[in-house]
Amino acid sequence: FHFYNGNMQAQMEAHHYCGHVNEDLIQCVIFDGNADDAKLMGVEYIVT
């Protein structure tokens, strides 16, 4: 789950599909669902 920075009341579920770039960096694409009609709604980069 995420919320908009500065507005915690605006919350939503986030479906992440992720993979390692290397041992210290992961990249994810984020959809608003997990069915075949899901919309690509963002990205997340994850670091150690």
ModelCIF file with pLDDT and N, C-alpha, C, O atoms, coordinates in Angstrom:
data_MODEL
#
_entry.id   MODEL 
#
_entity.id                         1 
_entity.type                       polymer 
_entity.pdbx_number_of_molecules   1 
#
_entity_poly.entity_id                      1 
_entity_poly.type                           'polypeptide(L)' 
_entity_poly.nstd_linkage                   no 
_entity_poly.nstd_monomer                   no 
_entity_poly.pdbx_seq_one_letter_code       FHFYNGNMQAQMEAHHYCGHVNEDLIQCVIFDGNADDAKLMGVEYIVT 
_entity_poly.pdbx_seq_one_letter_code_can   FHFYNGNMQAQMEAHHYCGHVNEDLIQCVIFDGNADDAKLMGVEYIVT 
_entity_poly.pdbx_strand_id                 A 
#
loop_
_entity_poly_seq.entity_id 
_entity_poly_seq.num 
_entity_poly_seq.mon_id 
_entity_poly_seq.hetero 
1 1  PHE n 
1 2  HIS n 
1 3  PHE n 
1 4  TYR n 
1 5  ASN n 
1 6  GLY n 
1 7  ASN n 
1 8  MET n 
1 9  GLN n 
1 10 ALA n 
1 11 GLN n 
1 12 MET n 
1 13 GLU n 
1 14 ALA n 
1 15 HIS n 
1 16 HIS n 
1 17 TYR n 
1 18 CYS n 
1 19 GLY n 
1 20 HIS n 
1 21 VAL n 
1 22 ASN n 
1 23 GLU n 
1 24 ASP n 
1 25 LEU n 
1 26 ILE n 
1 27 GLN n 
1 28 CYS n 
1 29 VAL n 
1 30 ILE n 
1 31 PHE n 
1 32 ASP n 
1 33 GLY n 
1 34 ASN n 
1 35 ALA n 
1 36 ASP n 
1 37 ASP n 
1 38 ALA n 
1 39 LYS n 
1 40 LEU n 
1 41 MET n 
1 42 GLY n 
1 43 VAL n 
1 44 GLU n 
1 45 TYR n 
1 46 ILE n 
1 47 VAL n 
1 48 THR n 
#
_struct_asym.id          A 
_struct_asym.entity_id   1 
#
loop_
_ma_qa_metric.id 
_ma_qa_metric.mode 
_ma_qa_metric.name 
_ma_qa_metric.software_group_id 
_ma_qa_metric.type 
1 global pLDDT . pLDDT 
2 local  pLDDT . pLDDT 
#
_ma_qa_metric_global.metric_id      1 
_ma_qa_metric_global.metric_value   96.69 
_ma_qa_metric_global.model_id       1 
_ma_qa_metric_global.ordinal_id     1 
#
loop_
_ma_qa_metric_local.label_asym_id 
_ma_qa_metric_local.label_comp_id 
_ma_qa_metric_local.label_seq_id 
_ma_qa_metric_local.metric_id 
_ma_qa_metric_local.metric_value 
_ma_qa_metric_local.model_id 
_ma_qa_metric_local.ordinal_id 
A PHE 1  2 98.00 1 1  
A HIS 2  2 98.00 1 2  
A PHE 3  2 98.00 1 3  
A TYR 4  2 98.00 1 4  
A ASN 5  2 98.00 1 5  
A GLY 6  2 96.00 1 6  
A ASN 7  2 97.00 1 7  
A MET 8  2 97.00 1 8  
A GLN 9  2 96.00 1 9  
A ALA 10 2 97.00 1 10 
A GLN 11 2 98.00 1 11 
A MET 12 2 97.00 1 12 
A GLU 13 2 98.00 1 13 
A ALA 14 2 98.00 1 14 
A HIS 15 2 97.00 1 15 
A HIS 16 2 97.00 1 16 
A TYR 17 2 97.00 1 17 
A CYS 18 2 96.00 1 18 
A GLY 19 2 95.00 1 19 
A HIS 20 2 94.00 1 20 
A VAL 21 2 95.00 1 21 
A ASN 22 2 95.00 1 22 
A GLU 23 2 95.00 1 23 
A ASP 24 2 97.00 1 24 
A LEU 25 2 97.00 1 25 
A ILE 26 2 97.00 1 26 
A GLN 27 2 97.00 1 27 
A CYS 28 2 97.00 1 28 
A VAL 29 2 98.00 1 29 
A ILE 30 2 98.00 1 30 
A PHE 31 2 97.00 1 31 
A ASP 32 2 97.00 1 32 
A GLY 33 2 95.00 1 33 
A ASN 34 2 95.00 1 34 
A ALA 35 2 94.00 1 35 
A ASP 36 2 92.00 1 36 
A ASP 37 2 94.00 1 37 
A ALA 38 2 96.00 1 38 
A LYS 39 2 97.00 1 39 
A LEU 40 2 97.00 1 40 
A MET 41 2 96.00 1 41 
A GLY 42 2 97.00 1 42 
A VAL 43 2 98.00 1 43 
A GLU 44 2 98.00 1 44 
A TYR 45 2 98.00 1 45 
A ILE 46 2 98.00 1 46 
A VAL 47 2 98.00 1 47 
A THR 48 2 98.00 1 48 
#
loop_
_atom_site.group_PDB 
_atom_site.id 
_atom_site.type_symbol 
_atom_site.label_atom_id 
_atom_site.label_alt_id 
_atom_site.label_comp_id 
_atom_site.label_asym_id 
_atom_site.label_entity_id 
_atom_site.label_seq_id 
_atom_site.pdbx_PDB_ins_code 
_atom_site.Cartn_x 
_atom_site.Cartn_y 
_atom_site.Cartn_z 
_atom_site.occupancy 
_atom_site.B_iso_or_equiv 
_atom_site.pdbx_formal_charge 
_atom_site.auth_seq_id 
_atom_site.auth_comp_id 
_atom_site.auth_asym_id 
_atom_site.auth_atom_id 
_atom_site.pdbx_PDB_model_num 
ATOM 1   N N  . PHE A 1 1  ? 0.835  -1.204  0.000   1.00 98.00 ? 1  PHE A N  1 
ATOM 2   C CA . PHE A 1 1  ? 0.000  0.000   0.000   1.00 98.00 ? 1  PHE A CA 1 
ATOM 3   C C  . PHE A 1 1  ? 0.872  1.257   0.000   1.00 98.00 ? 1  PHE A C  1 
ATOM 4   O O  . PHE A 1 1  ? 1.942  1.297   0.608   1.00 98.00 ? 1  PHE A O  1 
ATOM 5   N N  . HIS A 1 2  ? 0.385  2.272   -0.695  1.00 98.00 ? 2  HIS A N  1 
ATOM 6   C CA . HIS A 1 2  ? 1.070  3.554   -0.750  1.00 98.00 ? 2  HIS A CA 1 
ATOM 7   C C  . HIS A 1 2  ? 0.108  4.677   -0.358  1.00 98.00 ? 2  HIS A C  1 
ATOM 8   O O  . HIS A 1 2  ? -1.108 4.491   -0.332  1.00 98.00 ? 2  HIS A O  1 
ATOM 9   N N  . PHE A 1 3  ? 0.671  5.828   -0.060  1.00 98.00 ? 3  PHE A N  1 
ATOM 10  C CA . PHE A 1 3  ? -0.136 7.052   0.066   1.00 98.00 ? 3  PHE A CA 1 
ATOM 11  C C  . PHE A 1 3  ? 0.630  8.205   -0.564  1.00 98.00 ? 3  PHE A C  1 
ATOM 12  O O  . PHE A 1 3  ? 1.856  8.179   -0.667  1.00 98.00 ? 3  PHE A O  1 
ATOM 13  N N  . TYR A 1 4  ? -0.126 9.221   -0.983  1.00 98.00 ? 4  TYR A N  1 
ATOM 14  C CA . TYR A 1 4  ? 0.483  10.383  -1.617  1.00 98.00 ? 4  TYR A CA 1 
ATOM 15  C C  . TYR A 1 4  ? 1.298  11.169  -0.596  1.00 98.00 ? 4  TYR A C  1 
ATOM 16  O O  . TYR A 1 4  ? 0.811  11.484  0.490   1.00 98.00 ? 4  TYR A O  1 
ATOM 17  N N  . ASN A 1 5  ? 2.533  11.481  -0.950  1.00 98.00 ? 5  ASN A N  1 
ATOM 18  C CA . ASN A 1 5  ? 3.371  12.257  -0.053  1.00 98.00 ? 5  ASN A CA 1 
ATOM 19  C C  . ASN A 1 5  ? 2.678  13.574  0.303   1.00 98.00 ? 5  ASN A C  1 
ATOM 20  O O  . ASN A 1 5  ? 2.375  14.378  -0.579  1.00 98.00 ? 5  ASN A O  1 
ATOM 21  N N  . GLY A 1 6  ? 2.429  13.790  1.597   1.00 96.00 ? 6  GLY A N  1 
ATOM 22  C CA . GLY A 1 6  ? 1.743  14.986  2.052   1.00 96.00 ? 6  GLY A CA 1 
ATOM 23  C C  . GLY A 1 6  ? 0.260  14.811  2.242   1.00 96.00 ? 6  GLY A C  1 
ATOM 24  O O  . GLY A 1 6  ? -0.408 15.727  2.719   1.00 96.00 ? 6  GLY A O  1 
ATOM 25  N N  . ASN A 1 7  ? -0.285 13.647  1.879   1.00 97.00 ? 7  ASN A N  1 
ATOM 26  C CA . ASN A 1 7  ? -1.720 13.401  2.035   1.00 97.00 ? 7  ASN A CA 1 
ATOM 27  C C  . ASN A 1 7  ? -1.944 11.934  2.391   1.00 97.00 ? 7  ASN A C  1 
ATOM 28  O O  . ASN A 1 7  ? -2.230 11.116  1.516   1.00 97.00 ? 7  ASN A O  1 
ATOM 29  N N  . MET A 1 8  ? -1.816 11.608  3.662   1.00 97.00 ? 8  MET A N  1 
ATOM 30  C CA . MET A 1 8  ? -1.922 10.219  4.079   1.00 97.00 ? 8  MET A CA 1 
ATOM 31  C C  . MET A 1 8  ? -3.325 9.658   3.903   1.00 97.00 ? 8  MET A C  1 
ATOM 32  O O  . MET A 1 8  ? -3.493 8.439   3.866   1.00 97.00 ? 8  MET A O  1 
ATOM 33  N N  . GLN A 1 9  ? -4.327 10.502  3.793   1.00 96.00 ? 9  GLN A N  1 
ATOM 34  C CA . GLN A 1 9  ? -5.695 10.012  3.625   1.00 96.00 ? 9  GLN A CA 1 
ATOM 35  C C  . GLN A 1 9  ? -5.919 9.443   2.230   1.00 96.00 ? 9  GLN A C  1 
ATOM 36  O O  . GLN A 1 9  ? -6.866 8.685   2.022   1.00 96.00 ? 9  GLN A O  1 
ATOM 37  N N  . ALA A 1 10 ? -5.073 9.790   1.280   1.00 97.00 ? 10 ALA A N  1 
ATOM 38  C CA . ALA A 1 10 ? -5.191 9.273   -0.086  1.00 97.00 ? 10 ALA A CA 1 
ATOM 39  C C  . ALA A 1 10 ? -4.329 8.022   -0.194  1.00 97.00 ? 10 ALA A C  1 
ATOM 40  O O  . ALA A 1 10 ? -3.139 8.103   -0.500  1.00 97.00 ? 10 ALA A O  1 
ATOM 41  N N  . GLN A 1 11 ? -4.935 6.871   0.057   1.00 98.00 ? 11 GLN A N  1 
ATOM 42  C CA . GLN A 1 11 ? -4.223 5.594   0.132   1.00 98.00 ? 11 GLN A CA 1 
ATOM 43  C C  . GLN A 1 11 ? -4.730 4.650   -0.956  1.00 98.00 ? 11 GLN A C  1 
ATOM 44  O O  . GLN A 1 11 ? -5.877 4.738   -1.394  1.00 98.00 ? 11 GLN A O  1 
ATOM 45  N N  . MET A 1 12 ? -3.855 3.752   -1.374  1.00 97.00 ? 12 MET A N  1 
ATOM 46  C CA . MET A 1 12 ? -4.262 2.787   -2.392  1.00 97.00 ? 12 MET A CA 1 
ATOM 47  C C  . MET A 1 12 ? -3.393 1.543   -2.342  1.00 97.00 ? 12 MET A C  1 
ATOM 48  O O  . MET A 1 12 ? -2.266 1.564   -1.847  1.00 97.00 ? 12 MET A O  1 
ATOM 49  N N  . GLU A 1 13 ? -3.947 0.459   -2.866  1.00 98.00 ? 13 GLU A N  1 
ATOM 50  C CA . GLU A 1 13 ? -3.209 -0.792  -3.012  1.00 98.00 ? 13 GLU A CA 1 
ATOM 51  C C  . GLU A 1 13 ? -2.312 -0.697  -4.238  1.00 98.00 ? 13 GLU A C  1 
ATOM 52  O O  . GLU A 1 13 ? -2.663 -0.065  -5.234  1.00 98.00 ? 13 GLU A O  1 
ATOM 53  N N  . ALA A 1 14 ? -1.150 -1.334  -4.150  1.00 98.00 ? 14 ALA A N  1 
ATOM 54  C CA . ALA A 1 14 ? -0.192 -1.279  -5.252  1.00 98.00 ? 14 ALA A CA 1 
ATOM 55  C C  . ALA A 1 14 ? 0.364  -2.677  -5.514  1.00 98.00 ? 14 ALA A C  1 
ATOM 56  O O  . ALA A 1 14 ? 0.930  -3.313  -4.624  1.00 98.00 ? 14 ALA A O  1 
ATOM 57  N N  . HIS A 1 15 ? 0.194  -3.140  -6.744  1.00 97.00 ? 15 HIS A N  1 
ATOM 58  C CA . HIS A 1 15 ? 0.664  -4.461  -7.148  1.00 97.00 ? 15 HIS A CA 1 
ATOM 59  C C  . HIS A 1 15 ? 2.021  -4.300  -7.830  1.00 97.00 ? 15 HIS A C  1 
ATOM 60  O O  . HIS A 1 15 ? 2.112  -3.735  -8.920  1.00 97.00 ? 15 HIS A O  1 
ATOM 61  N N  . HIS A 1 16 ? 3.072  -4.799  -7.184  1.00 97.00 ? 16 HIS A N  1 
ATOM 62  C CA . HIS A 1 16 ? 4.444  -4.640  -7.654  1.00 97.00 ? 16 HIS A CA 1 
ATOM 63  C C  . HIS A 1 16 ? 4.915  -5.896  -8.385  1.00 97.00 ? 16 HIS A C  1 
ATOM 64  O O  . HIS A 1 16 ? 4.709  -7.012  -7.908  1.00 97.00 ? 16 HIS A O  1 
ATOM 65  N N  . TYR A 1 17 ? 5.543  -5.710  -9.537  1.00 97.00 ? 17 TYR A N  1 
ATOM 66  C CA . TYR A 1 17 ? 6.211  -6.795  -10.243 1.00 97.00 ? 17 TYR A CA 1 
ATOM 67  C C  . TYR A 1 17 ? 7.679  -6.406  -10.359 1.00 97.00 ? 17 TYR A C  1 
ATOM 68  O O  . TYR A 1 17 ? 8.018  -5.447  -11.052 1.00 97.00 ? 17 TYR A O  1 
ATOM 69  N N  . CYS A 1 18 ? 8.554  -7.154  -9.677  1.00 96.00 ? 18 CYS A N  1 
ATOM 70  C CA . CYS A 1 18 ? 9.906  -6.693  -9.399  1.00 96.00 ? 18 CYS A CA 1 
ATOM 71  C C  . CYS A 1 18 ? 10.969 -7.678  -9.861  1.00 96.00 ? 18 CYS A C  1 
ATOM 72  O O  . CYS A 1 18 ? 10.707 -8.865  -10.052 1.00 96.00 ? 18 CYS A O  1 
ATOM 73  N N  . GLY A 1 19 ? 12.170 -7.154  -10.035 1.00 95.00 ? 19 GLY A N  1 
ATOM 74  C CA . GLY A 1 19 ? 13.327 -7.976  -10.345 1.00 95.00 ? 19 GLY A CA 1 
ATOM 75  C C  . GLY A 1 19 ? 14.603 -7.272  -9.934  1.00 95.00 ? 19 GLY A C  1 
ATOM 76  O O  . GLY A 1 19 ? 14.658 -6.044  -9.878  1.00 95.00 ? 19 GLY A O  1 
ATOM 77  N N  . HIS A 1 20 ? 15.621 -8.054  -9.651  1.00 94.00 ? 20 HIS A N  1 
ATOM 78  C CA . HIS A 1 20 ? 16.921 -7.505  -9.269  1.00 94.00 ? 20 HIS A CA 1 
ATOM 79  C C  . HIS A 1 20 ? 17.653 -6.936  -10.481 1.00 94.00 ? 20 HIS A C  1 
ATOM 80  O O  . HIS A 1 20 ? 17.712 -7.570  -11.535 1.00 94.00 ? 20 HIS A O  1 
ATOM 81  N N  . VAL A 1 21 ? 18.208 -5.739  -10.323 1.00 95.00 ? 21 VAL A N  1 
ATOM 82  C CA . VAL A 1 21 ? 19.204 -5.211  -11.252 1.00 95.00 ? 21 VAL A CA 1 
ATOM 83  C C  . VAL A 1 21 ? 20.563 -5.760  -10.835 1.00 95.00 ? 21 VAL A C  1 
ATOM 84  O O  . VAL A 1 21 ? 21.351 -6.215  -11.664 1.00 95.00 ? 21 VAL A O  1 
ATOM 85  N N  . ASN A 1 22 ? 20.820 -5.707  -9.528  1.00 95.00 ? 22 ASN A N  1 
ATOM 86  C CA . ASN A 1 22 ? 21.960 -6.380  -8.913  1.00 95.00 ? 22 ASN A CA 1 
ATOM 87  C C  . ASN A 1 22 ? 21.590 -6.648  -7.457  1.00 95.00 ? 22 ASN A C  1 
ATOM 88  O O  . ASN A 1 22 ? 20.432 -6.467  -7.080  1.00 95.00 ? 22 ASN A O  1 
ATOM 89  N N  . GLU A 1 23 ? 22.533 -7.070  -6.640  1.00 95.00 ? 23 GLU A N  1 
ATOM 90  C CA . GLU A 1 23 ? 22.217 -7.466  -5.281  1.00 95.00 ? 23 GLU A CA 1 
ATOM 91  C C  . GLU A 1 23 ? 21.723 -6.303  -4.421  1.00 95.00 ? 23 GLU A C  1 
ATOM 92  O O  . GLU A 1 23 ? 21.086 -6.521  -3.390  1.00 95.00 ? 23 GLU A O  1 
ATOM 93  N N  . ASP A 1 24 ? 22.013 -5.071  -4.841  1.00 97.00 ? 24 ASP A N  1 
ATOM 94  C CA . ASP A 1 24 ? 21.667 -3.904  -4.032  1.00 97.00 ? 24 ASP A CA 1 
ATOM 95  C C  . ASP A 1 24 ? 20.593 -3.017  -4.652  1.00 97.00 ? 24 ASP A C  1 
ATOM 96  O O  . ASP A 1 24 ? 20.227 -1.997  -4.068  1.00 97.00 ? 24 ASP A O  1 
ATOM 97  N N  . LEU A 1 25 ? 20.087 -3.382  -5.808  1.00 97.00 ? 25 LEU A N  1 
ATOM 98  C CA . LEU A 1 25 ? 19.094 -2.550  -6.497  1.00 97.00 ? 25 LEU A CA 1 
ATOM 99  C C  . LEU A 1 25 ? 18.022 -3.426  -7.123  1.00 97.00 ? 25 LEU A C  1 
ATOM 100 O O  . LEU A 1 25 ? 18.316 -4.363  -7.866  1.00 97.00 ? 25 LEU A O  1 
ATOM 101 N N  . ILE A 1 26 ? 16.774 -3.104  -6.810  1.00 97.00 ? 26 ILE A N  1 
ATOM 102 C CA . ILE A 1 26 ? 15.602 -3.791  -7.345  1.00 97.00 ? 26 ILE A CA 1 
ATOM 103 C C  . ILE A 1 26 ? 14.746 -2.754  -8.073  1.00 97.00 ? 26 ILE A C  1 
ATOM 104 O O  . ILE A 1 26 ? 14.625 -1.617  -7.618  1.00 97.00 ? 26 ILE A O  1 
ATOM 105 N N  . GLN A 1 27 ? 14.163 -3.143  -9.185  1.00 97.00 ? 27 GLN A N  1 
ATOM 106 C CA . GLN A 1 27 ? 13.242 -2.247  -9.889  1.00 97.00 ? 27 GLN A CA 1 
ATOM 107 C C  . GLN A 1 27 ? 11.892 -2.940  -10.038 1.00 97.00 ? 27 GLN A C  1 
ATOM 108 O O  . GLN A 1 27 ? 11.809 -4.143  -10.284 1.00 97.00 ? 27 GLN A O  1 
ATOM 109 N N  . CYS A 1 28 ? 10.838 -2.139  -9.880  1.00 97.00 ? 28 CYS A N  1 
ATOM 110 C CA . CYS A 1 28 ? 9.475  -2.670  -9.919  1.00 97.00 ? 28 CYS A CA 1 
ATOM 111 C C  . CYS A 1 28 ? 8.590  -1.807  -10.803 1.00 97.00 ? 28 CYS A C  1 
ATOM 112 O O  . CYS A 1 28 ? 8.723  -0.584  -10.826 1.00 97.00 ? 28 CYS A O  1 
ATOM 113 N N  . VAL A 1 29 ? 7.688  -2.452  -11.528 1.00 98.00 ? 29 VAL A N  1 
ATOM 114 C CA . VAL A 1 29 ? 6.588  -1.740  -12.168 1.00 98.00 ? 29 VAL A CA 1 
ATOM 115 C C  . VAL A 1 29 ? 5.354  -1.986  -11.312 1.00 98.00 ? 29 VAL A C  1 
ATOM 116 O O  . VAL A 1 29 ? 5.195  -3.063  -10.738 1.00 98.00 ? 29 VAL A O  1 
ATOM 117 N N  . ILE A 1 30 ? 4.486  -0.995  -11.226 1.00 98.00 ? 30 ILE A N  1 
ATOM 118 C CA . ILE A 1 30 ? 3.356  -1.044  -10.305 1.00 98.00 ? 30 ILE A CA 1 
ATOM 119 C C  . ILE A 1 30 ? 2.053  -0.921  -11.089 1.00 98.00 ? 30 ILE A C  1 
ATOM 120 O O  . ILE A 1 30 ? 1.889  -0.024  -11.916 1.00 98.00 ? 30 ILE A O  1 
ATOM 121 N N  . PHE A 1 31 ? 1.131  -1.842  -10.812 1.00 97.00 ? 31 PHE A N  1 
ATOM 122 C CA . PHE A 1 31 ? -0.180 -1.843  -11.454 1.00 97.00 ? 31 PHE A CA 1 
ATOM 123 C C  . PHE A 1 31 ? -1.271 -1.644  -10.410 1.00 97.00 ? 31 PHE A C  1 
ATOM 124 O O  . PHE A 1 31 ? -1.045 -1.825  -9.214  1.00 97.00 ? 31 PHE A O  1 
ATOM 125 N N  . ASP A 1 32 ? -2.464 -1.267  -10.885 1.00 97.00 ? 32 ASP A N  1 
ATOM 126 C CA . ASP A 1 32 ? -3.597 -1.071  -9.971  1.00 97.00 ? 32 ASP A CA 1 
ATOM 127 C C  . ASP A 1 32 ? -4.403 -2.356  -9.799  1.00 97.00 ? 32 ASP A C  1 
ATOM 128 O O  . ASP A 1 32 ? -5.460 -2.337  -9.168  1.00 97.00 ? 32 ASP A O  1 
ATOM 129 N N  . GLY A 1 33 ? -3.929 -3.455  -10.342 1.00 95.00 ? 33 GLY A N  1 
ATOM 130 C CA . GLY A 1 33 ? -4.587 -4.736  -10.184 1.00 95.00 ? 33 GLY A CA 1 
ATOM 131 C C  . GLY A 1 33 ? -3.645 -5.842  -10.631 1.00 95.00 ? 33 GLY A C  1 
ATOM 132 O O  . GLY A 1 33 ? -2.510 -5.583  -11.029 1.00 95.00 ? 33 GLY A O  1 
ATOM 133 N N  . ASN A 1 34 ? -4.130 -7.083  -10.562 1.00 95.00 ? 34 ASN A N  1 
ATOM 134 C CA . ASN A 1 34 ? -3.305 -8.195  -11.032 1.00 95.00 ? 34 ASN A CA 1 
ATOM 135 C C  . ASN A 1 34 ? -4.016 -9.016  -12.099 1.00 95.00 ? 34 ASN A C  1 
ATOM 136 O O  . ASN A 1 34 ? -3.600 -10.133 -12.407 1.00 95.00 ? 34 ASN A O  1 
ATOM 137 N N  . ALA A 1 35 ? -5.086 -8.466  -12.661 1.00 94.00 ? 35 ALA A N  1 
ATOM 138 C CA . ALA A 1 35 ? -5.802 -9.117  -13.760 1.00 94.00 ? 35 ALA A CA 1 
ATOM 139 C C  . ALA A 1 35 ? -5.314 -8.542  -15.089 1.00 94.00 ? 35 ALA A C  1 
ATOM 140 O O  . ALA A 1 35 ? -4.497 -7.621  -15.113 1.00 94.00 ? 35 ALA A O  1 
ATOM 141 N N  . ASP A 1 36 ? -5.819 -9.091  -16.189 1.00 92.00 ? 36 ASP A N  1 
ATOM 142 C CA . ASP A 1 36 ? -5.293 -8.658  -17.481 1.00 92.00 ? 36 ASP A CA 1 
ATOM 143 C C  . ASP A 1 36 ? -5.770 -7.263  -17.896 1.00 92.00 ? 36 ASP A C  1 
ATOM 144 O O  . ASP A 1 36 ? -5.340 -6.743  -18.925 1.00 92.00 ? 36 ASP A O  1 
ATOM 145 N N  . ASP A 1 37 ? -6.652 -6.659  -17.102 1.00 94.00 ? 37 ASP A N  1 
ATOM 146 C CA . ASP A 1 37 ? -7.064 -5.286  -17.394 1.00 94.00 ? 37 ASP A CA 1 
ATOM 147 C C  . ASP A 1 37 ? -6.314 -4.269  -16.528 1.00 94.00 ? 37 ASP A C  1 
ATOM 148 O O  . ASP A 1 37 ? -6.673 -3.092  -16.517 1.00 94.00 ? 37 ASP A O  1 
ATOM 149 N N  . ALA A 1 38 ? -5.286 -4.703  -15.808 1.00 96.00 ? 38 ALA A N  1 
ATOM 150 C CA . ALA A 1 38 ? -4.558 -3.823  -14.886 1.00 96.00 ? 38 ALA A CA 1 
ATOM 151 C C  . ALA A 1 38 ? -3.904 -2.669  -15.633 1.00 96.00 ? 38 ALA A C  1 
ATOM 152 O O  . ALA A 1 38 ? -3.437 -2.823  -16.762 1.00 96.00 ? 38 ALA A O  1 
ATOM 153 N N  . LYS A 1 39 ? -3.878 -1.513  -14.983 1.00 97.00 ? 39 LYS A N  1 
ATOM 154 C CA . LYS A 1 39 ? -3.267 -0.313  -15.551 1.00 97.00 ? 39 LYS A CA 1 
ATOM 155 C C  . LYS A 1 39 ? -1.916 -0.076  -14.891 1.00 97.00 ? 39 LYS A C  1 
ATOM 156 O O  . LYS A 1 39 ? -1.783 -0.139  -13.669 1.00 97.00 ? 39 LYS A O  1 
ATOM 157 N N  . LEU A 1 40 ? -0.923 0.198   -15.719 1.00 97.00 ? 40 LEU A N  1 
ATOM 158 C CA . LEU A 1 40 ? 0.406  0.528   -15.222 1.00 97.00 ? 40 LEU A CA 1 
ATOM 159 C C  . LEU A 1 40 ? 0.341  1.895   -14.556 1.00 97.00 ? 40 LEU A C  1 
ATOM 160 O O  . LEU A 1 40 ? 0.132  2.900   -15.235 1.00 97.00 ? 40 LEU A O  1 
ATOM 161 N N  . MET A 1 41 ? 0.516  1.951   -13.244 1.00 96.00 ? 41 MET A N  1 
ATOM 162 C CA . MET A 1 41 ? 0.326  3.230   -12.555 1.00 96.00 ? 41 MET A CA 1 
ATOM 163 C C  . MET A 1 41 ? 1.596  3.801   -11.939 1.00 96.00 ? 41 MET A C  1 
ATOM 164 O O  . MET A 1 41 ? 1.551  4.885   -11.356 1.00 96.00 ? 41 MET A O  1 
ATOM 165 N N  . GLY A 1 42 ? 2.728  3.108   -12.048 1.00 97.00 ? 42 GLY A N  1 
ATOM 166 C CA . GLY A 1 42 ? 3.926  3.717   -11.505 1.00 97.00 ? 42 GLY A CA 1 
ATOM 167 C C  . GLY A 1 42 ? 5.119  2.795   -11.489 1.00 97.00 ? 42 GLY A C  1 
ATOM 168 O O  . GLY A 1 42 ? 5.087  1.683   -12.016 1.00 97.00 ? 42 GLY A O  1 
ATOM 169 N N  . VAL A 1 43 ? 6.180  3.291   -10.866 1.00 98.00 ? 43 VAL A N  1 
ATOM 170 C CA . VAL A 1 43 ? 7.418  2.531   -10.722 1.00 98.00 ? 43 VAL A CA 1 
ATOM 171 C C  . VAL A 1 43 ? 7.960  2.722   -9.313  1.00 98.00 ? 43 VAL A C  1 
ATOM 172 O O  . VAL A 1 43 ? 7.700  3.731   -8.658  1.00 98.00 ? 43 VAL A O  1 
ATOM 173 N N  . GLU A 1 44 ? 8.718  1.731   -8.864  1.00 98.00 ? 44 GLU A N  1 
ATOM 174 C CA . GLU A 1 44 ? 9.421  1.855   -7.597  1.00 98.00 ? 44 GLU A CA 1 
ATOM 175 C C  . GLU A 1 44 ? 10.830 1.303   -7.755  1.00 98.00 ? 44 GLU A C  1 
ATOM 176 O O  . GLU A 1 44 ? 11.038 0.231   -8.323  1.00 98.00 ? 44 GLU A O  1 
ATOM 177 N N  . TYR A 1 45 ? 11.794 2.064   -7.237  1.00 98.00 ? 45 TYR A N  1 
ATOM 178 C CA . TYR A 1 45 ? 13.181 1.624   -7.172  1.00 98.00 ? 45 TYR A CA 1 
ATOM 179 C C  . TYR A 1 45 ? 13.507 1.342   -5.713  1.00 98.00 ? 45 TYR A C  1 
ATOM 180 O O  . TYR A 1 45 ? 13.184 2.136   -4.829  1.00 98.00 ? 45 TYR A O  1 
ATOM 181 N N  . ILE A 1 46 ? 14.142 0.217   -5.471  1.00 98.00 ? 46 ILE A N  1 
ATOM 182 C CA . ILE A 1 46 ? 14.439 -0.215  -4.106  1.00 98.00 ? 46 ILE A CA 1 
ATOM 183 C C  . ILE A 1 46 ? 15.938 -0.421  -3.974  1.00 98.00 ? 46 ILE A C  1 
ATOM 184 O O  . ILE A 1 46 ? 16.547 -1.114  -4.790  1.00 98.00 ? 46 ILE A O  1 
ATOM 185 N N  . VAL A 1 47 ? 16.542 0.183   -2.939  1.00 98.00 ? 47 VAL A N  1 
ATOM 186 C CA . VAL A 1 47 ? 17.983 0.046   -2.716  1.00 98.00 ? 47 VAL A CA 1 
ATOM 187 C C  . VAL A 1 47 ? 18.243 -0.470  -1.306  1.00 98.00 ? 47 VAL A C  1 
ATOM 188 O O  . VAL A 1 47 ? 17.439 -0.274  -0.394  1.00 98.00 ? 47 VAL A O  1 
ATOM 189 N N  . THR A 1 48 ? 19.375 -1.126  -1.153  1.00 98.00 ? 48 THR A N  1 
ATOM 190 C CA . THR A 1 48 ? 19.785 -1.592  0.166   1.00 98.00 ? 48 THR A CA 1 
ATOM 191 C C  . THR A 1 48 ? 20.265 -0.404  0.999   1.00 98.00 ? 48 THR A C  1 
ATOM 192 O O  . THR A 1 48 ? 20.659 -0.577  2.153   1.00 98.00 ? 48 THR A O  1 
#
